[in-house]
């Protein structure tokens, strides 16, 4: 199947991830630690011998992430599923800004949310395979919610 690449511009912080999984299908959503009133995305982060949890802000383009370990800015980290331990790194994808490795959160219907593994780099991209299934307008709120 031939695919076309399009660029979709939406207002900053208008997308919200409601379902994210590891490559093995385990949910990464953590309603026990909300960020901006929404369940966060929990992953394990590691830099050298330092290992802990990070709760990622589920609002696309917002970076109010919560760390339980200190990670220096500018270092490349690894991310893992907190349930099964599988790596979230996607090979051979590289950040188009700093050329560091990327991680992926798997969304329903084949979508992906990719981000840079370099601490402090905020490059990310959203890959939607079935736009009708993955995007829905929340009317009257100027917000798009990922329906997953």
N, C-alpha and C. Protein backbone atom coordinates (compact mmCIF):
# COMPACT_ATOMS: atom_id res chain seq x y z
N UNK A 1 0.84 -1.18 0.00
CA UNK A 1 0.00 0.00 0.00
C UNK A 1 0.88 1.24 0.00
N UNK A 2 0.63 2.11 -0.93
CA UNK A 2 1.39 3.35 -1.03
C UNK A 2 0.86 4.35 -0.01
N UNK A 3 1.77 5.07 0.63
CA UNK A 3 1.37 6.04 1.65
C UNK A 3 1.90 7.41 1.28
N UNK A 4 1.16 8.41 1.67
CA UNK A 4 1.55 9.80 1.50
C UNK A 4 1.86 10.38 2.88
N UNK A 5 2.81 11.27 2.94
CA UNK A 5 3.16 11.94 4.18
C UNK A 5 2.56 13.33 4.16
N UNK A 6 1.82 13.67 5.21
CA UNK A 6 1.25 15.01 5.31
C UNK A 6 1.70 15.65 6.62
N UNK A 7 1.66 16.93 6.66
CA UNK A 7 1.98 17.66 7.88
C UNK A 7 0.68 18.30 8.36
N UNK A 8 0.35 18.02 9.60
CA UNK A 8 -0.86 18.54 10.21
C UNK A 8 -0.45 19.48 11.34
N UNK A 9 -0.86 20.71 11.26
CA UNK A 9 -0.56 21.66 12.32
C UNK A 9 -1.80 21.84 13.18
N UNK A 10 -1.61 21.71 14.48
CA UNK A 10 -2.70 21.90 15.43
C UNK A 10 -2.22 22.87 16.50
N UNK A 11 -3.14 23.50 17.21
CA UNK A 11 -2.72 24.41 18.29
C UNK A 11 -1.85 23.68 19.31
N UNK A 12 -0.89 24.39 19.86
CA UNK A 12 -0.01 23.82 20.87
C UNK A 12 -0.82 23.24 22.01
N UNK A 13 -0.44 22.07 22.44
CA UNK A 13 -1.04 21.36 23.56
C UNK A 13 -2.49 20.97 23.33
N UNK A 14 -2.88 20.77 22.06
CA UNK A 14 -4.26 20.43 21.73
C UNK A 14 -4.49 18.93 21.64
N UNK A 15 -3.43 18.13 21.64
CA UNK A 15 -3.56 16.68 21.56
C UNK A 15 -3.27 16.05 22.91
N UNK A 16 -4.03 15.02 23.23
CA UNK A 16 -3.84 14.32 24.49
C UNK A 16 -3.78 12.82 24.23
N UNK A 17 -2.76 12.17 24.74
CA UNK A 17 -2.64 10.72 24.62
C UNK A 17 -3.49 10.09 25.73
N UNK A 18 -4.39 9.21 25.34
CA UNK A 18 -5.24 8.55 26.33
C UNK A 18 -4.94 7.05 26.44
N UNK A 19 -4.24 6.49 25.48
CA UNK A 19 -3.84 5.09 25.50
C UNK A 19 -2.46 4.98 24.86
N UNK A 20 -1.49 4.47 25.59
CA UNK A 20 -0.15 4.22 25.05
C UNK A 20 0.30 2.87 25.58
N UNK A 21 1.00 2.12 24.72
CA UNK A 21 1.44 0.77 25.08
C UNK A 21 2.90 0.57 24.70
N UNK A 22 3.51 -0.45 25.31
CA UNK A 22 4.83 -0.89 24.90
C UNK A 22 4.67 -1.77 23.66
N UNK A 23 5.77 -2.18 23.02
CA UNK A 23 5.65 -3.02 21.83
C UNK A 23 4.97 -4.36 22.09
N UNK A 24 4.94 -4.80 23.35
CA UNK A 24 4.30 -6.07 23.70
C UNK A 24 2.84 -5.90 24.12
N UNK A 25 2.33 -4.67 24.07
CA UNK A 25 0.91 -4.43 24.33
C UNK A 25 0.55 -4.08 25.76
N UNK A 26 1.52 -3.88 26.66
CA UNK A 26 1.21 -3.48 28.03
C UNK A 26 0.88 -1.99 28.09
N UNK A 27 -0.17 -1.65 28.81
CA UNK A 27 -0.55 -0.25 28.95
C UNK A 27 0.50 0.51 29.75
N UNK A 28 0.82 1.70 29.29
CA UNK A 28 1.77 2.58 29.99
C UNK A 28 1.05 3.72 30.71
N UNK A 29 -0.27 3.74 30.63
CA UNK A 29 -1.04 4.82 31.25
C UNK A 29 -1.10 4.61 32.77
N UNK A 30 -0.93 5.70 33.51
CA UNK A 30 -0.92 5.63 34.97
C UNK A 30 -1.89 6.66 35.56
N UNK A 31 -3.14 6.25 35.80
CA UNK A 31 -4.11 7.20 36.36
C UNK A 31 -3.78 7.61 37.80
N UNK A 32 -2.92 6.86 38.48
CA UNK A 32 -2.55 7.19 39.86
C UNK A 32 -1.66 8.43 39.94
N UNK A 33 -1.02 8.79 38.82
CA UNK A 33 -0.16 9.98 38.78
C UNK A 33 -0.62 10.87 37.62
N UNK A 34 -1.65 11.68 37.87
CA UNK A 34 -2.13 12.55 36.79
C UNK A 34 -1.23 13.76 36.58
N UNK A 35 -1.17 14.21 35.35
CA UNK A 35 -0.50 15.46 35.00
C UNK A 35 -1.53 16.28 34.22
N UNK A 36 -1.76 17.50 34.64
CA UNK A 36 -2.78 18.38 34.05
C UNK A 36 -4.15 17.71 34.07
N UNK A 37 -4.42 16.93 35.12
CA UNK A 37 -5.71 16.28 35.28
C UNK A 37 -5.92 15.04 34.44
N UNK A 38 -4.88 14.58 33.75
CA UNK A 38 -5.00 13.41 32.87
C UNK A 38 -4.02 12.33 33.32
N UNK A 39 -4.36 11.05 33.11
CA UNK A 39 -3.41 9.98 33.44
C UNK A 39 -2.08 10.20 32.71
N UNK A 40 -0.98 10.05 33.43
CA UNK A 40 0.34 10.21 32.82
C UNK A 40 0.75 8.91 32.11
N UNK A 41 1.84 8.99 31.37
CA UNK A 41 2.43 7.83 30.70
C UNK A 41 3.67 7.45 31.50
N UNK A 42 3.65 6.27 32.14
CA UNK A 42 4.75 5.85 33.00
C UNK A 42 5.69 4.92 32.25
N UNK A 43 6.99 5.26 32.28
CA UNK A 43 8.04 4.41 31.73
C UNK A 43 9.21 4.39 32.70
N UNK A 44 10.06 3.39 32.54
CA UNK A 44 11.29 3.32 33.32
C UNK A 44 12.38 3.99 32.49
N UNK A 45 13.18 4.81 33.14
CA UNK A 45 14.26 5.52 32.46
C UNK A 45 15.58 5.10 33.09
N UNK A 46 16.63 5.01 32.26
CA UNK A 46 17.94 4.61 32.77
C UNK A 46 19.04 5.40 32.09
N UNK A 47 20.00 5.84 32.92
CA UNK A 47 21.21 6.50 32.44
C UNK A 47 22.35 5.93 33.26
N UNK A 48 23.20 5.13 32.62
CA UNK A 48 24.26 4.44 33.36
C UNK A 48 23.65 3.56 34.42
N UNK A 49 24.09 3.72 35.68
CA UNK A 49 23.56 2.92 36.78
C UNK A 49 22.32 3.55 37.41
N UNK A 50 21.95 4.74 36.97
CA UNK A 50 20.78 5.44 37.51
C UNK A 50 19.53 4.93 36.80
N UNK A 51 18.59 4.44 37.59
CA UNK A 51 17.35 3.89 37.02
C UNK A 51 16.17 4.32 37.88
N UNK A 52 15.09 4.73 37.25
CA UNK A 52 13.90 5.14 37.98
C UNK A 52 12.73 5.32 37.04
N UNK A 53 11.67 5.89 37.56
CA UNK A 53 10.46 6.11 36.77
C UNK A 53 10.40 7.55 36.27
N UNK A 54 9.76 7.70 35.14
CA UNK A 54 9.39 9.02 34.65
C UNK A 54 7.92 8.92 34.26
N UNK A 55 7.17 9.92 34.64
CA UNK A 55 5.78 10.03 34.22
C UNK A 55 5.73 11.13 33.17
N UNK A 56 5.46 10.73 31.93
CA UNK A 56 5.43 11.67 30.81
C UNK A 56 4.09 12.39 30.76
N UNK A 57 4.17 13.67 30.47
CA UNK A 57 2.98 14.49 30.31
C UNK A 57 2.19 13.96 29.11
N UNK A 58 0.90 13.62 29.29
CA UNK A 58 0.13 13.06 28.19
C UNK A 58 -0.35 14.11 27.17
N UNK A 59 -0.12 15.37 27.45
CA UNK A 59 -0.53 16.43 26.53
C UNK A 59 0.61 16.65 25.54
N UNK A 60 0.32 16.38 24.27
CA UNK A 60 1.33 16.47 23.22
C UNK A 60 1.85 17.90 23.11
N UNK A 61 3.17 18.06 23.24
CA UNK A 61 3.78 19.38 23.17
C UNK A 61 3.98 20.03 24.52
N UNK A 62 3.52 19.39 25.59
CA UNK A 62 3.73 19.88 26.95
C UNK A 62 4.73 18.95 27.62
N UNK A 63 5.65 19.51 28.36
CA UNK A 63 6.74 18.70 28.92
C UNK A 63 6.82 18.83 30.44
N UNK A 64 5.68 18.74 31.10
CA UNK A 64 5.65 18.77 32.56
C UNK A 64 5.82 17.34 33.08
N UNK A 65 6.93 16.72 32.70
CA UNK A 65 7.22 15.35 33.09
C UNK A 65 7.68 15.29 34.54
N UNK A 66 7.38 14.17 35.21
CA UNK A 66 7.75 13.97 36.61
C UNK A 66 8.79 12.86 36.70
N UNK A 67 9.97 13.19 37.20
CA UNK A 67 11.07 12.23 37.34
C UNK A 67 11.22 11.85 38.80
N UNK A 68 11.55 10.58 39.07
CA UNK A 68 11.90 10.23 40.45
C UNK A 68 13.40 10.02 40.60
N UNK A 69 14.16 10.34 39.55
CA UNK A 69 15.63 10.33 39.58
C UNK A 69 16.12 11.57 38.85
N UNK A 70 17.33 12.00 39.18
CA UNK A 70 17.93 13.16 38.50
C UNK A 70 18.71 12.68 37.29
N UNK A 71 18.37 13.21 36.13
CA UNK A 71 19.06 12.88 34.89
C UNK A 71 19.67 14.18 34.36
N UNK A 72 20.99 14.20 34.13
CA UNK A 72 21.62 15.43 33.62
C UNK A 72 21.10 15.78 32.22
N UNK A 73 20.97 17.05 31.95
CA UNK A 73 20.55 17.51 30.63
C UNK A 73 21.63 17.18 29.61
N UNK A 74 21.19 16.74 28.45
CA UNK A 74 22.12 16.47 27.34
C UNK A 74 22.61 15.04 27.24
N UNK A 75 22.24 14.17 28.19
CA UNK A 75 22.67 12.77 28.10
C UNK A 75 21.59 11.95 27.41
N UNK A 76 22.01 10.88 26.74
CA UNK A 76 21.06 9.98 26.10
C UNK A 76 20.69 8.89 27.10
N UNK A 77 19.39 8.71 27.28
CA UNK A 77 18.88 7.74 28.24
C UNK A 77 18.27 6.56 27.49
N UNK A 78 17.90 5.55 28.24
CA UNK A 78 17.13 4.42 27.70
C UNK A 78 15.77 4.45 28.39
N UNK A 79 14.75 3.98 27.68
CA UNK A 79 13.41 3.88 28.26
C UNK A 79 12.91 2.46 28.09
N UNK A 80 12.19 1.98 29.13
CA UNK A 80 11.69 0.61 29.16
C UNK A 80 10.25 0.58 29.65
N UNK A 81 9.55 -0.47 29.28
CA UNK A 81 8.22 -0.71 29.81
C UNK A 81 8.34 -1.07 31.29
N UNK A 82 7.54 -0.45 32.17
CA UNK A 82 7.63 -0.78 33.59
C UNK A 82 7.04 -2.15 33.94
N UNK A 83 6.32 -2.76 33.01
CA UNK A 83 5.70 -4.06 33.28
C UNK A 83 6.59 -5.22 32.83
N UNK A 84 7.04 -5.17 31.56
CA UNK A 84 7.81 -6.31 31.03
C UNK A 84 9.28 -6.00 30.80
N UNK A 85 9.67 -4.74 30.87
CA UNK A 85 11.08 -4.37 30.73
C UNK A 85 11.58 -4.23 29.30
N UNK A 86 10.71 -4.38 28.29
CA UNK A 86 11.16 -4.26 26.91
C UNK A 86 11.60 -2.81 26.63
N UNK A 87 12.64 -2.67 25.82
CA UNK A 87 13.14 -1.35 25.44
C UNK A 87 12.12 -0.64 24.55
N UNK A 88 12.00 0.66 24.74
CA UNK A 88 11.11 1.47 23.91
C UNK A 88 11.87 2.17 22.78
N UNK A 89 13.17 1.90 22.67
CA UNK A 89 13.99 2.50 21.60
C UNK A 89 13.56 1.94 20.26
N UNK A 90 13.50 2.81 19.26
CA UNK A 90 13.18 2.38 17.90
C UNK A 90 14.42 2.55 17.03
N UNK A 91 14.82 1.46 16.44
CA UNK A 91 15.97 1.48 15.54
C UNK A 91 15.47 1.47 14.12
N UNK A 92 16.07 2.10 13.21
CA UNK A 92 17.26 2.96 13.29
C UNK A 92 16.91 4.43 13.40
N UNK A 93 15.68 4.76 13.81
CA UNK A 93 15.23 6.15 13.84
C UNK A 93 16.14 7.02 14.69
N UNK A 94 16.42 8.22 14.17
CA UNK A 94 17.24 9.21 14.87
C UNK A 94 16.48 10.54 14.89
N UNK A 95 16.75 11.31 15.92
CA UNK A 95 16.16 12.64 16.05
C UNK A 95 16.64 13.51 14.90
N UNK A 96 15.73 14.22 14.25
CA UNK A 96 16.12 15.07 13.12
C UNK A 96 16.78 16.36 13.58
N UNK A 97 16.84 16.61 14.89
CA UNK A 97 17.48 17.81 15.41
C UNK A 97 18.88 17.52 15.97
N UNK A 98 18.98 16.49 16.86
CA UNK A 98 20.26 16.23 17.52
C UNK A 98 20.87 14.88 17.13
N UNK A 99 20.16 14.10 16.32
CA UNK A 99 20.63 12.81 15.80
C UNK A 99 20.79 11.73 16.87
N UNK A 100 20.13 11.90 18.01
CA UNK A 100 20.13 10.89 19.06
C UNK A 100 19.07 9.84 18.74
N UNK A 101 19.12 8.68 19.40
CA UNK A 101 18.10 7.65 19.19
C UNK A 101 16.73 8.14 19.63
N UNK A 102 15.70 7.46 19.13
CA UNK A 102 14.31 7.81 19.43
C UNK A 102 13.65 6.67 20.21
N UNK A 103 12.60 7.00 20.97
CA UNK A 103 11.76 5.99 21.61
C UNK A 103 10.38 6.07 20.98
N UNK A 104 9.59 5.01 21.15
CA UNK A 104 8.23 5.00 20.61
C UNK A 104 7.25 4.50 21.64
N UNK A 105 6.10 5.16 21.69
CA UNK A 105 4.94 4.69 22.44
C UNK A 105 3.94 4.24 21.39
N UNK A 106 3.40 3.07 21.55
CA UNK A 106 2.51 2.49 20.56
C UNK A 106 1.07 2.86 20.89
N UNK A 107 0.38 3.38 19.88
CA UNK A 107 -0.99 3.83 20.02
C UNK A 107 -1.90 2.85 19.29
N UNK A 108 -3.15 2.76 19.69
CA UNK A 108 -4.08 1.86 18.99
C UNK A 108 -4.18 2.20 17.50
N UNK A 109 -4.61 1.22 16.74
CA UNK A 109 -4.81 1.37 15.30
C UNK A 109 -3.52 1.68 14.54
N UNK A 110 -2.37 1.26 15.09
CA UNK A 110 -1.11 1.40 14.38
C UNK A 110 -0.40 2.73 14.53
N UNK A 111 -0.92 3.63 15.34
CA UNK A 111 -0.26 4.92 15.53
C UNK A 111 0.96 4.82 16.41
N UNK A 112 1.85 5.79 16.29
CA UNK A 112 3.07 5.86 17.10
C UNK A 112 3.28 7.29 17.58
N UNK A 113 3.81 7.41 18.77
CA UNK A 113 4.30 8.67 19.27
C UNK A 113 5.78 8.46 19.51
N UNK A 114 6.61 9.16 18.75
CA UNK A 114 8.07 9.01 18.88
C UNK A 114 8.65 10.27 19.50
N UNK A 115 9.68 10.06 20.33
CA UNK A 115 10.37 11.18 20.97
C UNK A 115 11.85 10.90 21.07
N UNK A 116 12.61 11.96 21.27
CA UNK A 116 14.07 11.85 21.37
C UNK A 116 14.47 11.35 22.75
N UNK A 117 15.49 10.49 22.79
CA UNK A 117 15.98 9.94 24.05
C UNK A 117 17.06 10.82 24.71
N UNK A 118 17.36 11.96 24.12
CA UNK A 118 18.34 12.87 24.72
C UNK A 118 17.63 13.78 25.72
N UNK A 119 18.07 13.74 26.96
CA UNK A 119 17.48 14.55 28.01
C UNK A 119 17.56 16.03 27.63
N UNK A 120 16.41 16.69 27.61
CA UNK A 120 16.37 18.10 27.26
C UNK A 120 15.99 18.39 25.82
N UNK A 121 16.10 17.40 24.95
CA UNK A 121 15.67 17.58 23.55
C UNK A 121 14.18 17.25 23.49
N UNK A 122 13.40 18.15 22.96
CA UNK A 122 11.95 17.97 22.96
C UNK A 122 11.38 17.63 21.59
N UNK A 123 12.23 17.15 20.68
CA UNK A 123 11.73 16.75 19.36
C UNK A 123 10.87 15.51 19.51
N UNK A 124 9.76 15.51 18.83
CA UNK A 124 8.86 14.37 18.87
C UNK A 124 8.00 14.40 17.61
N UNK A 125 7.39 13.28 17.31
CA UNK A 125 6.48 13.24 16.16
C UNK A 125 5.39 12.23 16.42
N UNK A 126 4.27 12.48 15.82
CA UNK A 126 3.09 11.63 15.95
C UNK A 126 2.82 11.02 14.59
N UNK A 127 2.75 9.70 14.54
CA UNK A 127 2.47 8.99 13.30
C UNK A 127 1.08 8.38 13.41
N UNK A 128 0.17 8.84 12.57
CA UNK A 128 -1.20 8.34 12.56
C UNK A 128 -1.40 7.52 11.30
N UNK A 129 -1.92 6.32 11.46
CA UNK A 129 -2.14 5.43 10.33
C UNK A 129 -3.58 5.53 9.85
N UNK A 130 -4.52 5.58 10.79
CA UNK A 130 -5.93 5.69 10.47
C UNK A 130 -6.46 6.96 11.12
N UNK A 131 -6.39 8.05 10.37
CA UNK A 131 -6.73 9.36 10.93
C UNK A 131 -8.17 9.40 11.45
N UNK A 132 -9.10 8.78 10.74
CA UNK A 132 -10.49 8.81 11.18
C UNK A 132 -10.67 8.13 12.53
N UNK A 133 -9.92 7.06 12.78
CA UNK A 133 -10.04 6.34 14.05
C UNK A 133 -9.22 7.00 15.16
N UNK A 134 -8.13 7.68 14.80
CA UNK A 134 -7.20 8.16 15.81
C UNK A 134 -7.39 9.61 16.22
N UNK A 135 -8.08 10.38 15.44
CA UNK A 135 -8.32 11.78 15.82
C UNK A 135 -9.81 12.03 15.92
N UNK A 136 -10.20 12.70 16.95
CA UNK A 136 -11.60 13.11 17.09
C UNK A 136 -11.62 14.50 17.70
N UNK A 137 -12.49 15.33 17.24
CA UNK A 137 -12.59 16.68 17.80
C UNK A 137 -13.46 16.66 19.04
N UNK A 138 -13.00 17.32 20.07
CA UNK A 138 -13.82 17.57 21.24
C UNK A 138 -14.41 18.96 21.00
N UNK A 139 -15.62 18.98 20.51
CA UNK A 139 -16.23 20.23 20.04
C UNK A 139 -16.38 21.24 21.17
N UNK A 140 -16.08 22.47 20.83
CA UNK A 140 -16.26 23.57 21.76
C UNK A 140 -15.10 23.77 22.71
N UNK A 141 -14.08 22.94 22.63
CA UNK A 141 -12.95 23.06 23.56
C UNK A 141 -11.64 23.37 22.86
N UNK A 142 -11.66 23.53 21.53
CA UNK A 142 -10.44 23.78 20.76
C UNK A 142 -9.36 22.77 21.14
N UNK A 143 -9.77 21.53 21.26
CA UNK A 143 -8.85 20.48 21.67
C UNK A 143 -9.15 19.22 20.85
N UNK A 144 -8.08 18.57 20.46
CA UNK A 144 -8.22 17.30 19.75
C UNK A 144 -7.75 16.21 20.70
N UNK A 145 -8.52 15.17 20.82
CA UNK A 145 -8.17 14.08 21.72
C UNK A 145 -7.88 12.84 20.87
N UNK A 146 -6.77 12.15 21.18
CA UNK A 146 -6.48 10.91 20.50
C UNK A 146 -7.44 9.87 21.04
N UNK A 147 -8.30 9.37 20.19
CA UNK A 147 -9.31 8.42 20.63
C UNK A 147 -8.73 7.01 20.56
N UNK A 148 -8.13 6.61 21.65
CA UNK A 148 -7.46 5.32 21.69
C UNK A 148 -7.71 4.60 22.97
